Amino acid sequence: MTPISKTLEALINEIYQDGNVSVVEYRTLRDDADRRMDAVIREFGQHNNVTAFQKAMDVAMQLLQTAVIDAKKAALTDTGEAIVKDAVVAQVEYLRAGSQLALRLL
């Protein structure tokens, strides 16, 4: 895993310690990520690839939430629900693996 700050590590460990993420914990992590991005903006300015990545993540989260709502409305079978979950997990893991590869370049 890519090294992260102790404060971020503590926050992540606290959020995942019970195996569930609450809406409050999700919002806390989102707000913390935005606060950390503010430091990038102060260092490099508003318009850079890192801030573009942040915007893309916001869009990706919105699309994920909408996709799940759409799937729920479709009243999927157990098999259909498993297929959707499997595909979403694969996409998240793709991002995680790509993040680790990219961050090695820093």
Protein backbone atom coordinates (compact mmCIF):
# COMPACT_ATOMS: atom_id res chain seq x y z
CA MET A 1 0.00 0.00 0.00
CA THR A 2 1.12 3.54 -0.69
CA PRO A 3 2.28 5.34 2.46
CA ILE A 4 -0.26 7.85 3.77
CA SER A 5 -0.23 10.37 6.59
CA LYS A 6 -0.87 9.12 10.10
CA THR A 7 -3.96 11.32 10.38
CA LEU A 8 -5.48 9.84 7.22
CA GLU A 9 -4.52 6.33 8.29
CA ALA A 10 -6.18 6.85 11.69
CA LEU A 11 -9.35 8.21 10.06
CA ILE A 12 -9.56 5.30 7.63
CA ASN A 13 -8.93 2.72 10.38
CA GLU A 14 -11.63 4.30 12.55
CA ILE A 15 -14.16 4.30 9.71
CA TYR A 16 -13.56 0.68 8.70
CA GLN A 17 -13.07 -0.82 12.17
CA ASP A 18 -16.62 -2.19 12.41
CA GLY A 19 -16.81 -3.36 8.79
CA ASN A 20 -19.49 -0.83 7.85
CA VAL A 21 -19.38 2.73 6.59
CA SER A 22 -22.15 5.01 7.81
CA VAL A 23 -23.36 8.05 5.91
CA VAL A 24 -21.77 10.25 8.57
CA GLU A 25 -18.42 8.44 8.20
CA TYR A 26 -18.65 8.71 4.41
CA ARG A 27 -19.27 12.44 4.62
CA THR A 28 -16.42 12.82 7.13
CA LEU A 29 -14.01 11.10 4.75
CA ARG A 30 -15.30 13.11 1.78
CA ASP A 31 -14.88 16.37 3.70
CA ASP A 32 -11.40 15.35 4.84
CA ALA A 33 -10.44 14.51 1.26
CA ASP A 34 -11.68 17.94 0.16
CA ARG A 35 -9.67 19.60 2.95
CA ARG A 36 -6.55 17.76 1.81
CA MET A 37 -7.25 18.86 -1.76
CA ASP A 38 -7.36 22.46 -0.55
CA ALA A 39 -3.68 22.04 0.37
CA VAL A 40 -2.95 20.93 -3.20
CA ILE A 41 -4.78 23.99 -4.52
CA ARG A 42 -2.77 26.28 -2.25
CA GLU A 43 0.44 24.66 -3.50
CA PHE A 44 -0.29 24.33 -7.23
CA GLY A 45 -3.32 26.49 -7.97
CA GLN A 46 -6.91 25.68 -8.84
CA HIS A 47 -6.42 24.29 -12.34
CA ASN A 48 -4.22 21.21 -12.41
CA ASN A 49 -4.54 17.50 -13.01
CA VAL A 50 -4.98 16.69 -9.33
CA THR A 51 -7.98 19.01 -9.01
CA ALA A 52 -9.35 17.60 -12.26
CA PHE A 53 -9.00 14.15 -10.69
CA GLN A 54 -10.96 15.36 -7.64
CA LYS A 55 -13.77 16.56 -9.90
CA ALA A 56 -13.73 13.23 -11.74
CA MET A 57 -14.00 11.39 -8.41
CA ASP A 58 -17.00 13.52 -7.44
CA VAL A 59 -18.65 12.63 -10.76
CA ALA A 60 -17.73 8.95 -10.36
CA MET A 61 -19.30 8.85 -6.88
CA GLN A 62 -22.47 10.48 -8.18
CA LEU A 63 -22.65 7.99 -11.04
CA LEU A 64 -22.06 5.09 -8.67
CA GLN A 65 -24.87 6.25 -6.39
CA THR A 66 -27.21 6.76 -9.35
CA ALA A 67 -26.31 3.37 -10.83
CA VAL A 68 -27.09 1.64 -7.54
CA ILE A 69 -30.40 3.48 -7.25
CA ASP A 70 -31.25 2.51 -10.84
CA ALA A 71 -30.33 -1.12 -10.17
CA LYS A 72 -32.46 -1.13 -7.02
CA LYS A 73 -35.43 0.30 -8.94
CA ALA A 74 -35.00 -2.44 -11.56
CA ALA A 75 -35.82 -5.03 -8.90
CA LEU A 76 -32.94 -7.26 -9.92
CA THR A 77 -32.85 -10.94 -9.22
CA ASP A 78 -30.29 -12.17 -6.69
CA THR A 79 -28.09 -13.11 -9.63
CA GLY A 80 -28.50 -9.69 -11.23
CA GLU A 81 -27.65 -7.97 -7.96
CA ALA A 82 -24.56 -10.15 -7.59
CA ILE A 83 -23.47 -9.28 -11.14
CA VAL A 84 -23.84 -5.54 -10.47
CA LYS A 85 -21.97 -5.75 -7.14
CA ASP A 86 -19.18 -7.78 -8.73
CA ALA A 87 -18.81 -5.28 -11.58
CA VAL A 88 -18.73 -2.28 -9.21
CA VAL A 89 -16.15 -3.92 -6.95
CA ALA A 90 -14.02 -4.68 -10.02
CA GLN A 91 -14.15 -1.01 -11.07
CA VAL A 92 -13.19 0.17 -7.57
CA GLU A 93 -10.29 -2.29 -7.45
CA TYR A 94 -9.19 -1.10 -10.90
CA LEU A 95 -9.00 2.44 -9.51
CA ARG A 96 -7.18 1.28 -6.38
CA ALA A 97 -4.60 -0.70 -8.35
CA GLY A 98 -4.10 2.18 -10.79
CA SER A 99 -3.67 4.55 -7.86
CA GLN A 100 -0.94 2.41 -6.36
CA LEU A 101 0.86 2.21 -9.70
CA ALA A 102 0.61 5.96 -10.30
CA LEU A 103 1.65 6.97 -6.80
CA ARG A 104 4.86 4.98 -7.09
CA LEU A 105 5.94 7.62 -9.59
CA LEU A 106 5.91 10.33 -6.88
